[in-house]
N, C-alpha and C. Protein backbone atom coordinates (compact mmCIF):
# COMPACT_ATOMS: atom_id res chain seq x y z
N UNK A 1 55.35 109.64 -15.24
CA UNK A 1 56.18 109.21 -14.45
C UNK A 1 56.47 107.85 -14.85
N UNK A 2 57.89 107.60 -14.65
CA UNK A 2 58.41 106.07 -14.58
C UNK A 2 58.74 105.86 -13.36
N UNK A 3 58.29 104.58 -12.81
CA UNK A 3 59.13 104.05 -11.53
C UNK A 3 60.13 102.86 -11.94
N UNK A 4 61.30 102.37 -11.22
CA UNK A 4 62.19 101.31 -11.54
C UNK A 4 62.07 100.76 -9.92
N UNK A 5 61.97 99.75 -9.62
CA UNK A 5 62.56 98.80 -8.64
C UNK A 5 64.16 97.78 -9.15
N UNK A 6 64.88 98.15 -8.54
CA UNK A 6 65.70 96.80 -9.39
C UNK A 6 66.46 96.27 -7.76
N UNK A 7 66.11 94.95 -8.09
CA UNK A 7 66.34 94.04 -6.59
C UNK A 7 68.00 93.83 -7.29
N UNK A 8 68.97 93.81 -6.16
CA UNK A 8 70.16 93.55 -6.44
C UNK A 8 70.70 92.23 -5.46
N UNK A 9 71.45 91.03 -5.65
CA UNK A 9 71.54 90.62 -4.80
C UNK A 9 73.27 90.58 -4.95
N UNK A 10 73.99 91.02 -3.46
CA UNK A 10 75.18 91.25 -3.15
C UNK A 10 75.80 90.22 -2.69
N UNK A 11 77.16 89.73 -2.86
CA UNK A 11 78.06 89.07 -2.03
C UNK A 11 78.11 89.77 -0.42
N UNK A 12 77.53 88.69 0.53
CA UNK A 12 77.47 89.52 1.92
C UNK A 12 78.91 90.31 2.22
N UNK A 13 79.97 89.39 1.79
CA UNK A 13 81.75 89.79 2.24
C UNK A 13 81.57 90.78 1.24
N UNK A 14 81.23 91.40 0.45
CA UNK A 14 81.58 92.70 -0.57
C UNK A 14 80.43 93.55 -0.47
N UNK A 15 79.52 93.63 0.11
CA UNK A 15 78.64 94.38 0.80
C UNK A 15 79.17 95.95 1.28
N UNK A 16 80.34 95.87 1.88
CA UNK A 16 80.73 97.27 1.91
C UNK A 16 81.18 98.12 0.53
N UNK A 17 82.13 97.14 -0.16
CA UNK A 17 82.26 97.78 -1.64
C UNK A 17 81.18 98.42 -1.89
N UNK A 18 80.39 97.42 -2.55
CA UNK A 18 79.18 97.33 -3.17
C UNK A 18 78.51 99.06 -2.72
N UNK A 19 78.64 99.33 -1.15
CA UNK A 19 77.58 100.42 -1.05
C UNK A 19 78.49 101.28 -1.61
N UNK A 20 79.86 101.61 -1.21
CA UNK A 20 80.53 103.14 -1.46
C UNK A 20 80.53 102.90 -2.96
N UNK A 21 80.37 102.41 -3.93
CA UNK A 21 80.28 102.59 -5.23
C UNK A 21 79.10 102.64 -5.65
N UNK A 22 78.08 101.89 -4.88
CA UNK A 22 76.74 102.85 -5.28
C UNK A 22 76.47 104.07 -4.90
N UNK A 23 76.69 104.42 -3.66
CA UNK A 23 76.67 105.73 -3.29
C UNK A 23 77.16 106.62 -3.89
N UNK A 24 78.45 106.34 -4.28
CA UNK A 24 79.11 107.69 -5.32
C UNK A 24 78.42 107.45 -6.66
N UNK A 25 77.58 106.51 -7.11
CA UNK A 25 76.82 106.78 -7.95
C UNK A 25 75.50 107.36 -7.86
N UNK A 26 75.11 107.56 -6.92
CA UNK A 26 73.48 108.09 -6.62
C UNK A 26 74.13 109.30 -6.32
N UNK A 27 75.35 110.02 -6.01
CA UNK A 27 75.59 111.21 -5.42
C UNK A 27 75.54 112.02 -6.97
N UNK A 28 76.43 111.26 -8.12
CA UNK A 28 76.38 111.58 -9.22
C UNK A 28 75.27 111.68 -9.84
N UNK A 29 74.04 110.85 -9.89
CA UNK A 29 72.67 111.07 -10.35
C UNK A 29 71.96 111.84 -9.94
N UNK A 30 72.19 112.13 -8.78
CA UNK A 30 71.02 113.33 -7.96
C UNK A 30 72.05 114.87 -8.47
N UNK A 31 73.34 114.66 -8.66
CA UNK A 31 74.00 115.79 -9.03
C UNK A 31 73.67 116.41 -10.56
N UNK A 32 73.42 115.16 -11.42
CA UNK A 32 73.88 115.52 -12.65
C UNK A 32 72.36 115.14 -13.57
N UNK A 33 71.35 114.78 -12.86
CA UNK A 33 70.01 114.04 -13.63
C UNK A 33 68.88 114.63 -13.12
N UNK A 34 68.39 115.93 -13.23
CA UNK A 34 67.16 116.84 -13.12
C UNK A 34 66.08 116.27 -13.15
N UNK A 35 66.10 115.17 -14.34
CA UNK A 35 64.94 113.94 -14.59
C UNK A 35 64.50 112.94 -13.82
N UNK A 36 65.83 112.76 -12.82
CA UNK A 36 65.64 111.35 -12.17
C UNK A 36 65.13 112.22 -10.55
N UNK A 37 63.91 111.84 -10.05
CA UNK A 37 63.04 112.32 -9.18
C UNK A 37 63.67 111.85 -8.07
N UNK A 38 63.84 110.44 -7.85
CA UNK A 38 64.53 109.69 -6.69
C UNK A 38 65.53 108.75 -6.99
N UNK A 39 66.35 108.54 -6.36
CA UNK A 39 67.43 107.64 -6.64
C UNK A 39 67.56 106.87 -5.40
N UNK A 40 67.03 105.95 -4.72
CA UNK A 40 67.48 105.81 -3.27
C UNK A 40 68.02 103.94 -3.23
N UNK A 41 69.12 103.93 -2.30
CA UNK A 41 69.36 102.40 -2.37
C UNK A 41 68.84 101.85 -0.75
N UNK A 42 68.19 101.31 -1.05
CA UNK A 42 67.66 100.03 0.04
C UNK A 42 68.23 98.92 0.53
N UNK A 43 68.26 98.43 1.78
CA UNK A 43 68.94 97.31 2.30
C UNK A 43 67.85 96.15 2.42
N UNK A 44 67.72 95.03 2.69
CA UNK A 44 66.72 94.28 3.39
C UNK A 44 66.87 93.96 5.10
N UNK A 45 65.90 94.14 5.69
CA UNK A 45 66.33 93.66 6.73
C UNK A 45 65.91 91.98 7.16
N UNK A 46 65.51 91.75 6.35
CA UNK A 46 65.15 90.21 6.32
C UNK A 46 65.78 89.30 5.41
N UNK A 47 66.78 89.50 4.23
CA UNK A 47 67.57 89.03 3.36
C UNK A 47 68.39 89.46 3.18
N UNK A 48 70.04 88.90 3.99
CA UNK A 48 71.16 89.32 3.82
C UNK A 48 71.52 89.40 2.50
N UNK A 49 72.20 90.64 2.04
CA UNK A 49 72.64 90.95 0.59
C UNK A 49 72.09 91.28 -0.53
N UNK A 50 70.51 91.33 0.09
CA UNK A 50 69.78 91.50 -0.87
C UNK A 50 69.63 93.56 -0.46
N UNK A 51 69.31 94.03 -1.67
CA UNK A 51 69.40 95.75 -1.94
C UNK A 51 68.41 95.72 -2.97
N UNK A 52 67.33 97.00 -2.58
CA UNK A 52 66.34 97.24 -3.64
C UNK A 52 66.75 98.88 -4.08
N UNK A 53 66.97 99.22 -5.08
CA UNK A 53 66.87 100.55 -5.60
C UNK A 53 65.59 101.00 -6.21
N UNK A 54 64.92 102.47 -5.71
CA UNK A 54 63.90 102.79 -5.75
C UNK A 54 63.99 103.94 -6.75
N UNK A 55 63.82 103.88 -7.71
CA UNK A 55 63.93 105.17 -8.78
C UNK A 55 62.42 106.05 -9.42
N UNK A 56 62.55 106.63 -9.37
CA UNK A 56 61.48 107.64 -10.13
C UNK A 56 61.98 108.56 -10.96
N UNK A 57 61.51 108.35 -12.36
CA UNK A 57 61.88 109.24 -13.44
C UNK A 57 60.76 110.18 -13.95
N UNK A 58 60.93 111.42 -14.34
CA UNK A 58 59.85 112.45 -14.75
C UNK A 58 59.57 111.65 -15.99
N UNK A 59 60.61 111.21 -16.80
CA UNK A 59 59.61 110.58 -18.26
C UNK A 59 60.44 109.46 -18.83
N UNK A 60 60.34 108.69 -19.64
CA UNK A 60 61.08 107.76 -20.36
C UNK A 60 62.47 108.23 -20.91
N UNK A 61 62.37 109.37 -20.99
CA UNK A 61 63.61 110.11 -21.78
C UNK A 61 64.44 110.08 -20.70
N UNK A 62 64.18 110.71 -19.29
CA UNK A 62 65.05 110.80 -18.49
C UNK A 62 65.84 109.63 -17.70
N UNK A 63 64.83 108.23 -18.03
CA UNK A 63 65.32 107.14 -17.47
C UNK A 63 66.34 106.64 -18.49
N UNK A 64 65.91 106.58 -19.95
CA UNK A 64 66.76 106.37 -21.34
C UNK A 64 68.44 107.42 -20.67
N UNK A 65 68.33 108.32 -19.81
CA UNK A 65 69.53 109.23 -20.18
C UNK A 65 70.22 108.72 -19.06
N UNK A 66 69.54 108.30 -17.93
CA UNK A 66 70.29 107.71 -16.90
C UNK A 66 71.00 106.64 -17.10
N UNK A 67 70.48 105.64 -18.09
CA UNK A 67 71.19 104.68 -18.32
C UNK A 67 72.22 104.67 -19.67
N UNK A 68 72.12 105.59 -19.93
CA UNK A 68 73.38 105.92 -21.23
C UNK A 68 74.51 107.04 -20.57
N UNK A 69 74.69 107.02 -19.32
CA UNK A 69 75.74 108.08 -18.95
C UNK A 69 76.85 107.12 -18.43
N UNK A 70 77.95 107.91 -18.70
CA UNK A 70 79.10 106.99 -18.42
C UNK A 70 79.46 106.83 -16.91
N UNK A 71 78.98 107.58 -16.10
CA UNK A 71 79.04 107.03 -14.66
C UNK A 71 78.37 106.11 -14.33
N UNK A 72 77.33 106.15 -14.87
CA UNK A 72 76.12 104.56 -14.69
C UNK A 72 76.83 103.58 -15.39
N UNK A 73 77.76 103.67 -16.55
CA UNK A 73 78.16 102.16 -16.97
C UNK A 73 79.58 101.94 -16.11
N UNK A 74 80.06 103.15 -15.62
CA UNK A 74 81.48 102.81 -14.98
C UNK A 74 81.02 102.12 -13.54
N UNK A 75 79.76 102.55 -13.28
CA UNK A 75 79.63 102.11 -11.70
C UNK A 75 79.22 100.65 -12.18
N UNK A 76 77.94 100.33 -12.99
CA UNK A 76 77.80 98.54 -13.36
C UNK A 76 79.17 97.80 -12.90
N UNK A 77 80.03 98.39 -14.09
CA UNK A 77 81.47 97.18 -14.29
C UNK A 77 82.09 97.09 -12.91
N UNK A 78 81.77 98.20 -12.22
CA UNK A 78 82.77 97.91 -10.52
C UNK A 78 82.10 97.33 -9.65
N UNK A 79 80.75 97.36 -9.74
CA UNK A 79 79.72 96.65 -8.67
C UNK A 79 79.63 95.11 -9.09
N UNK A 80 80.09 95.03 -10.58
CA UNK A 80 79.81 93.42 -11.09
C UNK A 80 80.46 92.50 -10.30
N UNK A 81 81.72 92.73 -10.01
CA UNK A 81 82.58 91.60 -8.93
C UNK A 81 81.83 91.12 -7.60
N UNK A 82 80.96 92.44 -7.33
CA UNK A 82 80.16 92.16 -5.57
C UNK A 82 79.20 91.71 -5.95
N UNK A 83 78.42 91.25 -7.41
CA UNK A 83 76.85 90.58 -7.18
C UNK A 83 76.84 89.29 -6.76
N UNK A 84 76.04 88.69 -6.36
CA UNK A 84 75.80 87.32 -6.35
C UNK A 84 74.77 87.25 -7.34
N UNK A 85 74.63 87.69 -8.27
CA UNK A 85 73.12 87.24 -9.02
C UNK A 85 73.13 88.56 -10.11
N UNK A 86 72.33 87.97 -11.07
CA UNK A 86 71.59 89.17 -11.95
C UNK A 86 70.67 89.70 -11.70
N UNK A 87 71.04 91.22 -11.79
CA UNK A 87 69.78 92.22 -11.39
C UNK A 87 68.40 92.02 -11.74
N UNK A 88 67.31 92.10 -11.01
CA UNK A 88 66.05 91.76 -11.58
C UNK A 88 65.45 93.27 -11.09
N UNK A 89 65.10 93.76 -12.86
CA UNK A 89 64.57 95.05 -12.91
C UNK A 89 63.05 95.12 -13.06
N UNK A 90 62.36 95.95 -12.27
CA UNK A 90 60.89 95.94 -12.53
C UNK A 90 60.50 97.26 -12.73
N UNK A 91 59.62 97.88 -13.89
CA UNK A 91 59.27 99.13 -14.40
C UNK A 91 57.76 99.34 -13.89
N UNK A 92 57.48 100.76 -13.88
CA UNK A 92 56.42 100.80 -12.77
C UNK A 92 55.62 102.07 -13.63
N UNK A 93 54.32 102.28 -13.74
CA UNK A 93 53.89 103.37 -14.40
C UNK A 93 53.26 104.14 -13.03
N UNK A 94 53.56 105.23 -12.88
CA UNK A 94 52.82 106.28 -11.97
C UNK A 94 51.27 106.20 -12.04
N UNK A 95 50.76 106.11 -10.92
CA UNK A 95 48.96 106.28 -11.16
C UNK A 95 48.94 107.38 -10.66
N UNK A 96 48.54 108.53 -11.24
CA UNK A 96 48.16 109.82 -10.67
C UNK A 96 46.57 110.15 -10.91
């Protein structure tokens, strides 16, 4: 399994727009990607505008498929104007 934690900094005034776009993306991921075991948006309780996406994939192929989907690319373009900085992506190996 491959884990991903994506830290996203969003302009506070655009948080609602960001959440709408992201939740639509998450619904598409959950409906179309059986290799994606978890795809959860979370919001920081201590830092305004900071979100973390918790992701878990069955394999590297599943992760690569996710990044190549048209809906992922479209969501990235739609979220771009809401961001306050570049995403920070951390890749993790499952300990089993």
